[in-house]
Structures are given as C-alpha cells and as structure tokens.
PDB file of N, CA and C in Angstrom:
ATOM      1  N   MET A   1       8.374  68.658  32.653  1.00  0.00           N
ATOM      2  CA  MET A   1       9.665  69.266  32.678  1.00  0.00           C
ATOM      3  C   MET A   1       9.954  69.854  31.297  1.00  0.00           C
ATOM      4  N   LYS A   2      10.168  71.157  31.236  1.00  0.00           N
ATOM      5  CA  LYS A   2      10.419  71.844  29.985  1.00  0.00           C
ATOM      6  C   LYS A   2      11.926  72.037  29.802  1.00  0.00           C
ATOM      7  N   LYS A   3      12.411  71.616  28.667  1.00  0.00           N
ATOM      8  CA  LYS A   3      13.835  71.754  28.377  1.00  0.00           C
ATOM      9  C   LYS A   3      14.057  73.037  27.580  1.00  0.00           C
ATOM     10  N   GLN A   4      15.101  73.763  27.922  1.00  0.00           N
ATOM     11  CA  GLN A   4      15.444  75.004  27.233  1.00  0.00           C
ATOM     12  C   GLN A   4      16.432  74.689  26.107  1.00  0.00           C
ATOM     13  N   ARG A   5      15.906  74.188  25.013  1.00  0.00           N
ATOM     14  CA  ARG A   5      16.742  73.864  23.868  1.00  0.00           C
ATOM     15  C   ARG A   5      16.357  74.764  22.704  1.00  0.00           C
ATOM     16  N   PRO A   6      17.305  75.056  21.827  1.00  0.00           N
ATOM     17  CA  PRO A   6      16.956  75.874  20.667  1.00  0.00           C
ATOM     18  C   PRO A   6      15.993  75.122  19.756  1.00  0.00           C
ATOM     19  N   VAL A   7      14.988  75.816  19.305  1.00  0.00           N
ATOM     20  CA  VAL A   7      13.984  75.203  18.451  1.00  0.00           C
ATOM     21  C   VAL A   7      14.458  75.180  17.006  1.00  0.00           C
ATOM     22  N   ASN A   8      15.020  76.283  16.550  1.00  0.00           N
ATOM     23  CA  ASN A   8      15.445  76.399  15.165  1.00  0.00           C
ATOM     24  C   ASN A   8      16.882  76.912  15.138  1.00  0.00           C
ATOM     25  N   LEU A   9      17.810  76.034  14.859  1.00  0.00           N
ATOM     26  CA  LEU A   9      19.217  76.411  14.815  1.00  0.00           C
ATOM     27  C   LEU A   9      19.553  76.877  13.401  1.00  0.00           C
ATOM     28  N   GLN A  10      19.879  78.153  13.267  1.00  0.00           N
ATOM     29  CA  GLN A  10      20.224  78.705  11.961  1.00  0.00           C
ATOM     30  C   GLN A  10      21.745  78.718  11.828  1.00  0.00           C
ATOM     31  N   LEU A  11      22.249  77.846  10.960  1.00  0.00           N
ATOM     32  CA  LEU A  11      23.694  77.704  10.825  1.00  0.00           C
ATOM     33  C   LEU A  11      24.360  78.935  10.222  1.00  0.00           C
ATOM     34  N   ASN A  12      23.607  79.714   9.446  1.00  0.00           N
ATOM     35  CA  ASN A  12      24.212  80.901   8.832  1.00  0.00           C
ATOM     36  C   ASN A  12      24.402  82.042   9.825  1.00  0.00           C
ATOM     37  N   THR A  13      23.883  81.921  11.030  1.00  0.00           N
ATOM     38  CA  THR A  13      24.065  82.967  12.030  1.00  0.00           C
ATOM     39  C   THR A  13      25.233  82.673  12.974  1.00  0.00           C
ATOM     40  N   ILE A  14      25.792  81.474  12.891  1.00  0.00           N
ATOM     41  CA  ILE A  14      26.906  81.102  13.750  1.00  0.00           C
ATOM     42  C   ILE A  14      28.196  81.643  13.132  1.00  0.00           C
ATOM     43  N   SER A  15      28.987  82.346  13.931  1.00  0.00           N
ATOM     44  CA  SER A  15      30.268  82.838  13.416  1.00  0.00           C
ATOM     45  C   SER A  15      31.402  82.185  14.199  1.00  0.00           C
ATOM     46  N   PHE A  16      32.308  81.572  13.452  1.00  0.00           N
ATOM     47  CA  PHE A  16      33.452  80.916  14.058  1.00  0.00           C
ATOM     48  C   PHE A  16      34.618  81.889  14.121  1.00  0.00           C
ATOM     49  N   PRO A  17      35.436  81.821  15.151  1.00  0.00           N
ATOM     50  CA  PRO A  17      36.646  82.651  15.190  1.00  0.00           C
ATOM     51  C   PRO A  17      37.640  82.152  14.142  1.00  0.00           C
ATOM     52  N   PRO A  18      38.572  83.020  13.723  1.00  0.00           N
ATOM     53  CA  PRO A  18      39.544  82.614  12.699  1.00  0.00           C
ATOM     54  C   PRO A  18      40.342  81.359  13.069  1.00  0.00           C
ATOM     55  N   ALA A  19      40.668  81.203  14.345  1.00  0.00           N
ATOM     56  CA  ALA A  19      41.427  80.018  14.761  1.00  0.00           C
ATOM     57  C   ALA A  19      40.626  78.736  14.519  1.00  0.00           C
ATOM     58  N   ALA A  20      39.329  78.783  14.733  1.00  0.00           N
ATOM     59  CA  ALA A  20      38.482  77.609  14.490  1.00  0.00           C
ATOM     60  C   ALA A  20      38.389  77.318  12.995  1.00  0.00           C
ATOM     61  N   ILE A  21      38.295  78.362  12.195  1.00  0.00           N
ATOM     62  CA  ILE A  21      38.216  78.187  10.740  1.00  0.00           C
ATOM     63  C   ILE A  21      39.493  77.535  10.220  1.00  0.00           C
ATOM     64  N   THR A  22      40.655  78.004  10.691  1.00  0.00           N
ATOM     65  CA  THR A  22      41.911  77.413  10.221  1.00  0.00           C
ATOM     66  C   THR A  22      42.044  75.960  10.659  1.00  0.00           C
ATOM     67  N   SER A  23      41.576  75.640  11.839  1.00  0.00           N
ATOM     68  CA  SER A  23      41.645  74.265  12.307  1.00  0.00           C
ATOM     69  C   SER A  23      40.746  73.358  11.462  1.00  0.00           C
ATOM     70  N   ILE A  24      39.550  73.820  11.171  1.00  0.00           N
ATOM     71  CA  ILE A  24      38.621  73.040  10.342  1.00  0.00           C
ATOM     72  C   ILE A  24      39.186  72.891   8.932  1.00  0.00           C
ATOM     73  N   LEU A  25      39.725  73.966   8.364  1.00  0.00           N
ATOM     74  CA  LEU A  25      40.308  73.902   7.025  1.00  0.00           C
ATOM     75  C   LEU A  25      41.511  72.961   6.977  1.00  0.00           C
ATOM     76  N   HIS A  26      42.271  72.895   8.060  1.00  0.00           N
ATOM     77  CA  HIS A  26      43.420  71.980   8.103  1.00  0.00           C
ATOM     78  C   HIS A  26      42.940  70.539   7.985  1.00  0.00           C
ATOM     79  N   ARG A  27      41.861  70.223   8.657  1.00  0.00           N
ATOM     80  CA  ARG A  27      41.315  68.863   8.577  1.00  0.00           C
ATOM     81  C   ARG A  27      40.725  68.584   7.196  1.00  0.00           C
ATOM     82  N   ILE A  28      40.018  69.565   6.648  1.00  0.00           N
ATOM     83  CA  ILE A  28      39.405  69.389   5.328  1.00  0.00           C
ATOM     84  C   ILE A  28      40.476  69.187   4.257  1.00  0.00           C
ATOM     85  N   THR A  29      41.564  69.982   4.318  1.00  0.00           N
ATOM     86  CA  THR A  29      42.616  69.823   3.318  1.00  0.00           C
ATOM     87  C   THR A  29      43.339  68.495   3.474  1.00  0.00           C
ATOM     88  N   GLY A  30      43.419  67.986   4.686  1.00  0.00           N
ATOM     89  CA  GLY A  30      44.006  66.659   4.885  1.00  0.00           C
ATOM     90  C   GLY A  30      43.189  65.587   4.184  1.00  0.00           C
ATOM     91  N   VAL A  31      41.876  65.660   4.302  1.00  0.00           N
ATOM     92  CA  VAL A  31      40.992  64.703   3.619  1.00  0.00           C
ATOM     93  C   VAL A  31      41.083  64.903   2.109  1.00  0.00           C
ATOM     94  N   ALA A  32      41.114  66.158   1.662  1.00  0.00           N
ATOM     95  CA  ALA A  32      41.224  66.442   0.227  1.00  0.00           C
ATOM     96  C   ALA A  32      42.522  65.883  -0.345  1.00  0.00           C
ATOM     97  N   LEU A  33      43.606  65.983   0.408  1.00  0.00           N
ATOM     98  CA  LEU A  33      44.878  65.439  -0.062  1.00  0.00           C
ATOM     99  C   LEU A  33      44.834  63.916  -0.160  1.00  0.00           C
ATOM    100  N   PHE A  34      44.097  63.280   0.725  1.00  0.00           N
ATOM    101  CA  PHE A  34      43.939  61.826   0.645  1.00  0.00           C
ATOM    102  C   PHE A  34      43.273  61.446  -0.668  1.00  0.00           C
ATOM    103  N   PHE A  35      42.188  62.140  -1.030  1.00  0.00           N
ATOM    104  CA  PHE A  35      41.490  61.828  -2.270  1.00  0.00           C
ATOM    105  C   PHE A  35      42.312  62.245  -3.493  1.00  0.00           C
ATOM    106  N   ALA A  36      43.062  63.325  -3.392  1.00  0.00           N
ATOM    107  CA  ALA A  36      43.926  63.748  -4.493  1.00  0.00           C
ATOM    108  C   ALA A  36      45.031  62.719  -4.719  1.00  0.00           C
ATOM    109  N   LEU A  37      45.480  62.084  -3.655  1.00  0.00           N
ATOM    110  CA  LEU A  37      46.516  61.061  -3.788  1.00  0.00           C
ATOM    111  C   LEU A  37      46.023  59.893  -4.643  1.00  0.00           C
ATOM    112  N   MET A  38      44.747  59.576  -4.564  1.00  0.00           N
ATOM    113  CA  MET A  38      44.194  58.514  -5.412  1.00  0.00           C
ATOM    114  C   MET A  38      44.304  58.896  -6.888  1.00  0.00           C
ATOM    115  N   PHE A  39      44.042  60.165  -7.201  1.00  0.00           N
ATOM    116  CA  PHE A  39      44.174  60.632  -8.575  1.00  0.00           C
ATOM    117  C   PHE A  39      45.636  60.569  -9.023  1.00  0.00           C
ATOM    118  N   VAL A  40      46.539  60.974  -8.165  1.00  0.00           N
ATOM    119  CA  VAL A  40      47.964  60.966  -8.499  1.00  0.00           C
ATOM    120  C   VAL A  40      48.444  59.532  -8.742  1.00  0.00           C
ATOM    121  N   ILE A  41      48.029  58.605  -7.906  1.00  0.00           N
ATOM    122  CA  ILE A  41      48.430  57.203  -8.085  1.00  0.00           C
ATOM    123  C   ILE A  41      47.873  56.658  -9.390  1.00  0.00           C
ATOM    124  N   TRP A  42      46.618  56.994  -9.704  1.00  0.00           N
ATOM    125  CA  TRP A  42      46.037  56.565 -10.977  1.00  0.00           C
ATOM    126  C   TRP A  42      46.833  57.132 -12.150  1.00  0.00           C
ATOM    127  N   ALA A  43      47.157  58.430 -12.085  1.00  0.00           N
ATOM    128  CA  ALA A  43      47.901  59.066 -13.177  1.00  0.00           C
ATOM    129  C   ALA A  43      49.277  58.425 -13.336  1.00  0.00           C
ATOM    130  N   TRP A  44      49.956  58.143 -12.240  1.00  0.00           N
ATOM    131  CA  TRP A  44      51.258  57.478 -12.327  1.00  0.00           C
ATOM    132  C   TRP A  44      51.118  56.092 -12.949  1.00  0.00           C
ATOM    133  N   ALA A  45      50.132  55.340 -12.491  1.00  0.00           N
ATOM    134  CA  ALA A  45      49.960  53.977 -12.986  1.00  0.00           C
ATOM    135  C   ALA A  45      49.665  53.968 -14.484  1.00  0.00           C
ATOM    136  N   VAL A  46      48.798  54.846 -14.932  1.00  0.00           N
ATOM    137  CA  VAL A  46      48.452  54.894 -16.359  1.00  0.00           C
ATOM    138  C   VAL A  46      49.635  55.394 -17.182  1.00  0.00           C
ATOM    139  N   SER A  47      50.334  56.390 -16.661  1.00  0.00           N
ATOM    140  CA  SER A  47      51.421  56.989 -17.450  1.00  0.00           C
ATOM    141  C   SER A  47      52.611  56.044 -17.632  1.00  0.00           C
ATOM    142  N   VAL A  48      52.849  55.144 -16.714  1.00  0.00           N
ATOM    143  CA  VAL A  48      53.969  54.216 -16.861  1.00  0.00           C
ATOM    144  C   VAL A  48      53.569  52.896 -17.521  1.00  0.00           C
ATOM    145  N   SER A  49      52.276  52.730 -17.804  1.00  0.00           N
ATOM    146  CA  SER A  49      51.818  51.474 -18.393  1.00  0.00           C
ATOM    147  C   SER A  49      52.202  51.354 -19.866  1.00  0.00           C
ATOM    148  N   SER A  50      52.172  52.469 -20.588  1.00  0.00           N
ATOM    149  CA  SER A  50      52.504  52.443 -22.010  1.00  0.00           C
ATOM    150  C   SER A  50      52.716  53.872 -22.501  1.00  0.00           C
ATOM    151  N   ILE A  51      53.184  53.963 -23.742  1.00  0.00           N
ATOM    152  CA  ILE A  51      53.366  55.290 -24.340  1.00  0.00           C
ATOM    153  C   ILE A  51      52.018  55.964 -24.529  1.00  0.00           C
ATOM    154  N   GLU A  52      51.013  55.178 -24.920  1.00  0.00           N
ATOM    155  CA  GLU A  52      49.663  55.732 -25.103  1.00  0.00           C
ATOM    156  C   GLU A  52      49.099  56.224 -23.774  1.00  0.00           C
ATOM    157  N   GLY A  53      49.368  55.485 -22.713  1.00  0.00           N
ATOM    158  CA  GLY A  53      48.915  55.900 -21.384  1.00  0.00           C
ATOM    159  C   GLY A  53      49.576  57.189 -20.946  1.00  0.00           C
ATOM    160  N   PHE A  54      50.874  57.296 -21.216  1.00  0.00           N
ATOM    161  CA  PHE A  54      51.591  58.532 -20.895  1.00  0.00           C
ATOM    162  C   PHE A  54      51.006  59.700 -21.664  1.00  0.00           C
ATOM    163  N   ASP A  55      50.768  59.504 -22.960  1.00  0.00           N
ATOM    164  CA  ASP A  55      50.194  60.576 -23.780  1.00  0.00           C
ATOM    165  C   ASP A  55      48.796  60.963 -23.299  1.00  0.00           C
ATOM    166  N   PHE A  56      48.016  59.957 -22.862  1.00  0.00           N
ATOM    167  CA  PHE A  56      46.668  60.244 -22.352  1.00  0.00           C
ATOM    168  C   PHE A  56      46.720  61.095 -21.093  1.00  0.00           C
ATOM    169  N   VAL A  57      47.580  60.714 -20.156  1.00  0.00           N
ATOM    170  CA  VAL A  57      47.698  61.478 -18.906  1.00  0.00           C
ATOM    171  C   VAL A  57      48.229  62.875 -19.198  1.00  0.00           C
ATOM    172  N   LYS A  58      49.195  62.976 -20.090  1.00  0.00           N
ATOM    173  CA  LYS A  58      49.749  64.281 -20.451  1.00  0.00           C
ATOM    174  C   LYS A  58      48.671  65.173 -21.060  1.00  0.00           C
ATOM    175  N   GLU A  59      47.853  64.588 -21.934  1.00  0.00           N
ATOM    176  CA  GLU A  59      46.751  65.341 -22.547  1.00  0.00           C
ATOM    177  C   GLU A  59      45.731  65.793 -21.495  1.00  0.00           C
ATOM    178  N   GLN A  60      45.406  64.918 -20.565  1.00  0.00           N
ATOM    179  CA  GLN A  60      44.444  65.260 -19.517  1.00  0.00           C
ATOM    180  C   GLN A  60      44.985  66.353 -18.595  1.00  0.00           C
ATOM    181  N   MET A  61      46.249  66.266 -18.250  1.00  0.00           N
ATOM    182  CA  MET A  61      46.839  67.255 -17.340  1.00  0.00           C
ATOM    183  C   MET A  61      47.009  68.619 -17.999  1.00  0.00           C
ATOM    184  N   ASN A  62      47.118  68.648 -19.324  1.00  0.00           N
ATOM    185  CA  ASN A  62      47.213  69.924 -20.026  1.00  0.00           C
ATOM    186  C   ASN A  62      45.852  70.538 -20.311  1.00  0.00           C
ATOM    187  N   GLY A  63      44.787  69.776 -20.097  1.00  0.00           N
ATOM    188  CA  GLY A  63      43.432  70.287 -20.302  1.00  0.00           C
ATOM    189  C   GLY A  63      42.948  71.071 -19.090  1.00  0.00           C
ATOM    190  N   PRO A  64      41.787  71.720 -19.225  1.00  0.00           N
ATOM    191  CA  PRO A  64      41.265  72.533 -18.118  1.00  0.00           C
ATOM    192  C   PRO A  64      40.983  71.736 -16.843  1.00  0.00           C
ATOM    193  N   LEU A  65      40.449  70.537 -16.985  1.00  0.00           N
ATOM    194  CA  LEU A  65      40.147  69.730 -15.798  1.00  0.00           C
ATOM    195  C   LEU A  65      41.428  69.320 -15.072  1.00  0.00           C
ATOM    196  N   GLY A  66      42.437  68.917 -15.832  1.00  0.00           N
ATOM    197  CA  GLY A  66      43.710  68.537 -15.226  1.00  0.00           C
ATOM    198  C   GLY A  66      44.366  69.699 -14.501  1.00  0.00           C
ATOM    199  N   LYS A  67      44.305  70.885 -15.115  1.00  0.00           N
ATOM    200  CA  LYS A  67      44.887  72.059 -14.468  1.00  0.00           C
ATOM    201  C   LYS A  67      44.108  72.430 -13.212  1.00  0.00           C
ATOM    202  N   PHE A  68      42.773  72.298 -13.270  1.00  0.00           N
ATOM    203  CA  PHE A  68      41.939  72.582 -12.104  1.00  0.00           C
ATOM    204  C   PHE A  68      42.274  71.631 -10.957  1.00  0.00           C
ATOM    205  N   VAL A  69      42.424  70.352 -11.280  1.00  0.00           N
ATOM    206  CA  VAL A  69      42.762  69.356 -10.253  1.00  0.00           C
ATOM    207  C   VAL A  69      44.161  69.630  -9.697  1.00  0.00           C
ATOM    208  N   ALA A  70      45.104  69.968 -10.565  1.00  0.00           N
ATOM    209  CA  ALA A  70      46.472  70.244 -10.114  1.00  0.00           C
ATOM    210  C   ALA A  70      46.514  71.469  -9.209  1.00  0.00           C
ATOM    211  N   ILE A  71      45.825  72.530  -9.609  1.00  0.00           N
ATOM    212  CA  ILE A  71      45.796  73.749  -8.782  1.00  0.00           C
ATOM    213  C   ILE A  71      45.115  73.466  -7.443  1.00  0.00           C
ATOM    214  N   GLY A  72      44.019  72.725  -7.478  1.00  0.00           N
ATOM    215  CA  GLY A  72      43.317  72.388  -6.239  1.00  0.00           C
ATOM    216  C   GLY A  72      44.160  71.536  -5.312  1.00  0.00           C
ATOM    217  N   THR A  73      44.872  70.571  -5.874  1.00  0.00           N
ATOM    218  CA  THR A  73      45.727  69.699  -5.066  1.00  0.00           C
ATOM    219  C   THR A  73      46.888  70.482  -4.455  1.00  0.00           C
ATOM    220  N   ILE A  74      47.522  71.319  -5.252  1.00  0.00           N
ATOM    221  CA  ILE A  74      48.638  72.117  -4.742  1.00  0.00           C
ATOM    222  C   ILE A  74      48.141  73.119  -3.706  1.00  0.00           C
ATOM    223  N   SER A  75      46.950  73.683  -3.935  1.00  0.00           N
ATOM    224  CA  SER A  75      46.371  74.618  -2.969  1.00  0.00           C
ATOM    225  C   SER A  75      46.102  73.928  -1.630  1.00  0.00           C
ATOM    226  N   ALA A  76      45.543  72.724  -1.688  1.00  0.00           N
ATOM    227  CA  ALA A  76      45.287  71.976  -0.449  1.00  0.00           C
ATOM    228  C   ALA A  76      46.592  71.640   0.253  1.00  0.00           C
ATOM    229  N   LEU A  77      47.615  71.278  -0.518  1.00  0.00           N
ATOM    230  CA  LEU A  77      48.915  70.963   0.070  1.00  0.00           C
ATOM    231  C   LEU A  77      49.534  72.194   0.726  1.00  0.00           C
ATOM    232  N   ILE A  78      49.443  73.336   0.047  1.00  0.00           N
ATOM    233  CA  ILE A  78      49.981  74.583   0.610  1.00  0.00           C
ATOM    234  C   ILE A  78      49.298  74.897   1.935  1.00  0.00           C
ATOM    235  N   TYR A  79      47.969  74.847   1.952  1.00  0.00           N
ATOM    236  CA  TYR A  79      47.266  75.179   3.186  1.00  0.00           C
ATOM    237  C   TYR A  79      47.596  74.181   4.288  1.00  0.00           C
ATOM    238  N   HIS A  80      47.638  72.909   3.931  1.00  0.00           N
ATOM    239  CA  HIS A  80      47.888  71.894   4.949  1.00  0.00           C
ATOM    240  C   HIS A  80      49.282  72.064   5.557  1.00  0.00           C
ATOM    241  N   ILE A  81      50.247  72.419   4.738  1.00  0.00           N
ATOM    242  CA  ILE A  81      51.602  72.660   5.256  1.00  0.00           C
ATOM    243  C   ILE A  81      51.614  73.899   6.143  1.00  0.00           C
ATOM    244  N   LEU A  82      50.999  74.999   5.671  1.00  0.00           N
ATOM    245  CA  LEU A  82      50.966  76.226   6.475  1.00  0.00           C
ATOM    246  C   LEU A  82      50.230  76.004   7.796  1.00  0.00           C
ATOM    247  N   GLY A  83      49.086  75.330   7.725  1.00  0.00           N
ATOM    248  CA  GLY A  83      48.342  75.034   8.947  1.00  0.00           C
ATOM    249  C   GLY A  83      49.109  74.119   9.881  1.00  0.00           C
ATOM    250  N   GLY A  84      49.834  73.152   9.319  1.00  0.00           N
ATOM    251  CA  GLY A  84      50.646  72.260  10.139  1.00  0.00           C
ATOM    252  C   GLY A  84      51.771  72.996  10.841  1.00  0.00           C
ATOM    253  N   ILE A  85      52.412  73.926  10.122  1.00  0.00           N
ATOM    254  CA  ILE A  85      53.468  74.730  10.743  1.00  0.00           C
ATOM    255  C   ILE A  85      52.880  75.573  11.870  1.00  0.00           C
ATOM    256  N   ARG A  86      51.708  76.157  11.624  1.00  0.00           N
ATOM    257  CA  ARG A  86      51.048  76.956  12.666  1.00  0.00           C
ATOM    258  C   ARG A  86      50.740  76.096  13.890  1.00  0.00           C
ATOM    259  N   HIS A  87      50.231  74.880  13.666  1.00  0.00           N
ATOM    260  CA  HIS A  87      49.932  73.991  14.791  1.00  0.00           C
ATOM    261  C   HIS A  87      51.198  73.591  15.544  1.00  0.00           C
ATOM    262  N   MET A  88      52.292  73.358  14.820  1.00  0.00           N
ATOM    263  CA  MET A  88      53.546  72.999  15.497  1.00  0.00           C
ATOM    264  C   MET A  88      54.064  74.154  16.338  1.00  0.00           C
ATOM    265  N   ILE A  89      53.949  75.373  15.824  1.00  0.00           N
ATOM    266  CA  ILE A  89      54.374  76.542  16.602  1.00  0.00           C
ATOM    267  C   ILE A  89      53.507  76.684  17.853  1.00  0.00           C
ATOM    268  N   MET A  90      52.207  76.421  17.705  1.00  0.00           N
ATOM    269  CA  MET A  90      51.321  76.486  18.866  1.00  0.00           C
ATOM    270  C   MET A  90      51.648  75.378  19.866  1.00  0.00           C
ATOM    271  N   ASP A  91      52.065  74.214  19.378  1.00  0.00           N
ATOM    272  CA  ASP A  91      52.466  73.129  20.275  1.00  0.00           C
ATOM    273  C   ASP A  91      53.708  73.486  21.092  1.00  0.00           C
ATOM    274  N   MET A  92      54.518  74.404  20.557  1.00  0.00           N
ATOM    275  CA  MET A  92      55.709  74.852  21.280  1.00  0.00           C
ATOM    276  C   MET A  92      55.394  75.967  22.270  1.00  0.00           C
ATOM    277  N   GLY A  93      54.119  76.358  22.358  1.00  0.00           N
ATOM    278  CA  GLY A  93      53.710  77.336  23.355  1.00  0.00           C
ATOM    279  C   GLY A  93      53.553  78.760  22.855  1.00  0.00           C
ATOM    280  N   HIS A  94      53.643  78.968  21.566  1.00  0.00           N
ATOM    281  CA  HIS A  94      53.484  80.312  21.002  1.00  0.00           C
ATOM    282  C   HIS A  94      52.107  80.435  20.351  1.00  0.00           C
ATOM    283  N   TRP A  95      51.652  81.669  20.178  1.00  0.00           N
ATOM    284  CA  TRP A  95      50.378  81.994  19.505  1.00  0.00           C
ATOM    285  C   TRP A  95      49.179  81.305  20.168  1.00  0.00           C
ATOM    286  N   GLU A  96      49.241  81.100  21.463  1.00  0.00           N
ATOM    287  CA  GLU A  96      48.138  80.453  22.167  1.00  0.00           C
ATOM    288  C   GLU A  96      47.146  81.453  22.744  1.00  0.00           C
ATOM    289  N   GLU A  97      47.538  82.722  22.828  1.00  0.00           N
ATOM    290  CA  GLU A  97      46.628  83.735  23.336  1.00  0.00           C
ATOM    291  C   GLU A  97      45.588  84.059  22.251  1.00  0.00           C
ATOM    292  N   LEU A  98      44.490  84.653  22.665  1.00  0.00           N
ATOM    293  CA  LEU A  98      43.392  84.921  21.736  1.00  0.00           C
ATOM    294  C   LEU A  98      43.824  85.832  20.594  1.00  0.00           C
ATOM    295  N   GLU A  99      44.493  86.925  20.909  1.00  0.00           N
ATOM    296  CA  GLU A  99      44.889  87.878  19.868  1.00  0.00           C
ATOM    297  C   GLU A  99      45.915  87.293  18.914  1.00  0.00           C
ATOM    298  N   SER A 100      46.969  86.703  19.453  1.00  0.00           N
ATOM    299  CA  SER A 100      48.019  86.159  18.595  1.00  0.00           C
ATOM    300  C   SER A 100      47.522  84.945  17.812  1.00  0.00           C
ATOM    301  N   GLY A 101      46.632  84.167  18.402  1.00  0.00           N
ATOM    302  CA  GLY A 101      46.051  83.023  17.695  1.00  0.00           C
ATOM    303  C   GLY A 101      45.198  83.464  16.520  1.00  0.00           C
ATOM    304  N   ASP A 102      44.372  84.495  16.735  1.00  0.00           N
ATOM    305  CA  ASP A 102      43.550  85.016  15.645  1.00  0.00           C
ATOM    306  C   ASP A 102      44.404  85.666  14.568  1.00  0.00           C
ATOM    307  N   LEU A 103      45.438  86.388  14.971  1.00  0.00           N
ATOM    308  CA  LEU A 103      46.316  87.043  14.006  1.00  0.00           C
ATOM    309  C   LEU A 103      47.063  86.008  13.167  1.00  0.00           C
ATOM    310  N   SER A 104      47.573  84.961  13.812  1.00  0.00           N
ATOM    311  CA  SER A 104      48.285  83.921  13.055  1.00  0.00           C
ATOM    312  C   SER A 104      47.331  83.177  12.119  1.00  0.00           C
ATOM    313  N   ALA A 105      46.089  82.971  12.545  1.00  0.00           N
ATOM    314  CA  ALA A 105      45.101  82.307  11.690  1.00  0.00           C
ATOM    315  C   ALA A 105      44.793  83.154  10.463  1.00  0.00           C
ATOM    316  N   LYS A 106      44.601  84.460  10.671  1.00  0.00           N
ATOM    317  CA  LYS A 106      44.336  85.350   9.536  1.00  0.00           C
ATOM    318  C   LYS A 106      45.532  85.414   8.598  1.00  0.00           C
ATOM    319  N   ALA A 107      46.743  85.410   9.160  1.00  0.00           N
ATOM    320  CA  ALA A 107      47.946  85.451   8.334  1.00  0.00           C
ATOM    321  C   ALA A 107      48.073  84.186   7.489  1.00  0.00           C
ATOM    322  N   ILE A 108      47.761  83.040   8.063  1.00  0.00           N
ATOM    323  CA  ILE A 108      47.837  81.775   7.331  1.00  0.00           C
ATOM    324  C   ILE A 108      46.841  81.768   6.176  1.00  0.00           C
ATOM    325  N   ILE A 109      45.621  82.225   6.436  1.00  0.00           N
ATOM    326  CA  ILE A 109      44.605  82.254   5.380  1.00  0.00           C
ATOM    327  C   ILE A 109      45.015  83.221   4.271  1.00  0.00           C
ATOM    328  N   ALA A 110      45.527  84.396   4.639  1.00  0.00           N
ATOM    329  CA  ALA A 110      45.954  85.375   3.632  1.00  0.00           C
ATOM    330  C   ALA A 110      47.114  84.831   2.800  1.00  0.00           C
ATOM    331  N   LEU A 111      48.088  84.224   3.455  1.00  0.00           N
ATOM    332  CA  LEU A 111      49.235  83.667   2.741  1.00  0.00           C
ATOM    333  C   LEU A 111      48.801  82.533   1.823  1.00  0.00           C
ATOM    334  N   TRP A 112      47.868  81.718   2.273  1.00  0.00           N
ATOM    335  CA  TRP A 112      47.339  80.619   1.462  1.00  0.00           C
ATOM    336  C   TRP A 112      46.670  81.156   0.203  1.00  0.00           C
ATOM    337  N   ILE A 113      45.865  82.190   0.336  1.00  0.00           N
ATOM    338  CA  ILE A 113      45.180  82.762  -0.825  1.00  0.00           C
ATOM    339  C   ILE A 113      46.192  83.331  -1.815  1.00  0.00           C
ATOM    340  N   ILE A 114      47.169  84.051  -1.316  1.00  0.00           N
ATOM    341  CA  ILE A 114      48.197  84.642  -2.185  1.00  0.00           C
ATOM    342  C   ILE A 114      48.974  83.545  -2.921  1.00  0.00           C
ATOM    343  N   LEU A 115      49.413  82.523  -2.201  1.00  0.00           N
ATOM    344  CA  LEU A 115      50.183  81.447  -2.836  1.00  0.00           C
ATOM    345  C   LEU A 115      49.341  80.647  -3.821  1.00  0.00           C
ATOM    346  N   THR A 116      48.064  80.455  -3.528  1.00  0.00           N
ATOM    347  CA  THR A 116      47.182  79.733  -4.461  1.00  0.00           C
ATOM    348  C   THR A 116      46.994  80.539  -5.743  1.00  0.00           C
ATOM    349  N   ILE A 117      46.845  81.848  -5.634  1.00  0.00           N
ATOM    350  CA  ILE A 117      46.723  82.688  -6.824  1.00  0.00           C
ATOM    351  C   ILE A 117      48.010  82.593  -7.654  1.00  0.00           C
ATOM    352  N   LEU A 118      49.162  82.649  -6.986  1.00  0.00           N
ATOM    353  CA  LEU A 118      50.437  82.524  -7.704  1.00  0.00           C
ATOM    354  C   LEU A 118      50.546  81.182  -8.418  1.00  0.00           C
ATOM    355  N   VAL A 119      50.158  80.113  -7.754  1.00  0.00           N
ATOM    356  CA  VAL A 119      50.189  78.777  -8.382  1.00  0.00           C
ATOM    357  C   VAL A 119      49.243  78.744  -9.565  1.00  0.00           C
ATOM    358  N   GLY A 120      48.066  79.317  -9.419  1.00  0.00           N
ATOM    359  CA  GLY A 120      47.103  79.350 -10.521  1.00  0.00           C
ATOM    360  C   GLY A 120      47.622  80.113 -11.725  1.00  0.00           C
ATOM    361  N   VAL A 121      48.292  81.226 -11.485  1.00  0.00           N
ATOM    362  CA  VAL A 121      48.844  82.008 -12.586  1.00  0.00           C
ATOM    363  C   VAL A 121      49.962  81.237 -13.278  1.00  0.00           C
ATOM    364  N   VAL A 122      50.809  80.573 -12.518  1.00  0.00           N
ATOM    365  CA  VAL A 122      51.932  79.836 -13.107  1.00  0.00           C
ATOM    366  C   VAL A 122      51.434  78.622 -13.895  1.00  0.00           C
ATOM    367  N   LEU A 123      50.472  77.892 -13.349  1.00  0.00           N
ATOM    368  CA  LEU A 123      50.017  76.652 -14.004  1.00  0.00           C
ATOM    369  C   LEU A 123      49.030  76.888 -15.143  1.00  0.00           C
ATOM    370  N   TRP A 124      48.267  77.942 -15.086  1.00  0.00           N
ATOM    371  CA  TRP A 124      47.258  78.137 -16.122  1.00  0.00           C
ATOM    372  C   TRP A 124      47.916  78.688 -17.350  1.00  0.00           C
TER     373      TRP A 124
END
C-alpha cells in the first residue's frame, strides 16, 4: 500500500493568508508579554530594594539594551491589544468574510508597524 504523502515539505513555499498571520502573531505576542512581565517584575523588585538598586535599574533602562527591551515590550503590547480588539470585533460577527478579514488583518499589521515606529522614535 503506497501512501501519497509529501516527501520534502519546504516551509518557505507555504504562504499563509493575512488573517492566519495576525492570529499567529497574537499568540506570539501573548507569550512575549509573559516573558517581558518577568523582566518588569525583576526591575520593580530591584528598584524598590534600595537607592543603589533604583540607580542600577535606571541606568540599565537608559542604556541601549533597556531601550530595546522597552520598545519590544511596548510593541508586543500594542500588537496584542490591536489583535485582541480585532478578535473581539470578529466575535461580534463582523469581519468574518474572506475579504473583510484579510483587510482588517492587513490594517492591524500596518497600524502596529506605524505605532511601533512612533514608540521607537519617542523612546530612543
């Protein structure tokens, strides 16, 4: 019995629709926010422990790595909020058709990129 299965699956040839990309990104940003929360809790704990701890966290957050982490965390939060709003609107019965779903997905990604650039300019 011969099975008709793909022999070599090339992942770079698979194209996902925009709605699938936004759904996957929503999950990824949720996980990223979980890990970012660990950094935030650490920073809070160190900063309230002593004056030296506060100065250390302040110095780290003003450095390039701190700014990169802050921009990344805010970017993930922005996308997760936008994606969540999109999902809630879809739960109410809107943007469920193929065209409107793809258009809303593209709009969310475009808005996310624009807002992330704005956050980067303000924080850097």
